[in-house]
């Protein structure tokens, strides 16, 4: 697939390749060079893995949220003194 580099150094990744690699708008890409070739690799962030692990059995969400809120409240009160 042929594409053209713009005057700003931008290229359009062909839809077929974006679809095959699951590249979405605002995704991060890593560019590297190997033996005269440019290699583009999609980079996953923690946000991409949100919901990937089932938290069932670890603890109740509301309990953990309440603990976190209490800890933040204590820290804020301490800082205000």
Protein backbone atom coordinates (compact mmCIF):
# COMPACT_ATOMS: atom_id res chain seq x y z
CA UNK A 1 0.00 0.00 0.00
CA UNK A 2 1.39 3.32 -1.04
CA UNK A 3 1.00 6.51 0.98
CA UNK A 4 2.53 9.97 0.75
CA UNK A 5 4.38 11.97 3.39
CA UNK A 6 2.90 15.47 3.77
CA UNK A 7 4.98 18.63 4.13
CA UNK A 8 4.40 18.33 7.89
CA UNK A 9 5.89 14.81 7.91
CA UNK A 10 2.50 13.14 8.39
CA UNK A 11 1.24 9.97 6.75
CA UNK A 12 -2.13 8.26 6.69
CA UNK A 13 -2.08 4.67 7.88
CA UNK A 14 -4.24 2.73 5.42
CA UNK A 15 -7.58 1.57 6.86
CA UNK A 16 -6.80 -2.08 6.17
CA UNK A 17 -3.69 -1.85 8.37
CA UNK A 18 -5.43 0.19 11.09
CA UNK A 19 -8.19 -2.41 11.24
CA UNK A 20 -5.75 -5.34 11.29
CA UNK A 21 -3.77 -3.82 14.18
CA UNK A 22 -6.77 -2.35 16.02
CA UNK A 23 -5.40 1.19 15.78
CA UNK A 24 -7.94 3.80 16.91
CA UNK A 25 -7.82 7.61 17.00
CA UNK A 26 -5.50 8.90 19.78
CA UNK A 27 -3.70 5.54 20.09
CA UNK A 28 0.05 5.73 20.71
CA UNK A 29 2.46 4.31 18.14
CA UNK A 30 6.15 3.50 18.52
CA UNK A 31 8.42 4.05 15.53
CA UNK A 32 11.70 2.16 15.22
CA UNK A 33 14.18 1.45 12.47
CA UNK A 34 15.67 -1.92 11.61
CA UNK A 35 17.79 -2.82 8.60
CA UNK A 36 16.56 0.15 6.58
CA UNK A 37 12.90 -0.47 7.42
CA UNK A 38 10.54 1.61 9.52
CA UNK A 39 8.62 -0.44 12.07
CA UNK A 40 5.43 0.95 13.57
CA UNK A 41 4.13 -0.77 16.70
CA UNK A 42 0.90 0.10 18.53
CA UNK A 43 1.64 0.83 22.20
CA UNK A 44 -0.85 -0.24 24.83
CA UNK A 45 -1.38 1.93 27.91
CA UNK A 46 -2.96 1.04 31.24
CA UNK A 47 -6.19 2.57 29.99
CA UNK A 48 -6.33 -0.09 27.27
CA UNK A 49 -6.40 -2.82 29.91
CA UNK A 50 -9.22 -1.31 31.96
CA UNK A 51 -11.75 -4.03 32.72
CA UNK A 52 -9.45 -6.81 31.52
CA UNK A 53 -9.25 -8.43 34.96
CA UNK A 54 -12.30 -9.64 36.81
CA UNK A 55 -12.13 -8.18 40.32
CA UNK A 56 -14.86 -10.46 41.62
CA UNK A 57 -13.98 -11.94 44.98
CA UNK A 58 -11.24 -9.41 45.75
CA UNK A 59 -13.51 -7.11 47.72
CA UNK A 60 -16.58 -5.02 47.38
CA UNK A 61 -16.09 -1.92 45.26
CA UNK A 62 -18.11 0.31 47.58
CA UNK A 63 -16.04 -0.75 50.62
CA UNK A 64 -12.77 -0.01 48.80
CA UNK A 65 -14.12 3.31 47.56
CA UNK A 66 -15.18 4.30 51.09
CA UNK A 67 -11.70 3.43 52.42
CA UNK A 68 -10.06 5.52 49.71
CA UNK A 69 -12.36 8.49 50.40
CA UNK A 70 -11.64 8.28 54.13
CA UNK A 71 -7.89 8.20 53.49
CA UNK A 72 -8.11 11.26 51.24
CA UNK A 73 -10.26 13.09 53.78
CA UNK A 74 -7.71 12.38 56.53
CA UNK A 75 -4.86 13.63 54.37
CA UNK A 76 -6.74 16.82 53.47
CA UNK A 77 -7.60 17.50 57.11
CA UNK A 78 -3.97 16.98 58.07
CA UNK A 79 -2.80 19.38 55.35
CA UNK A 80 -5.30 22.03 56.42
CA UNK A 81 -3.93 22.14 60.00
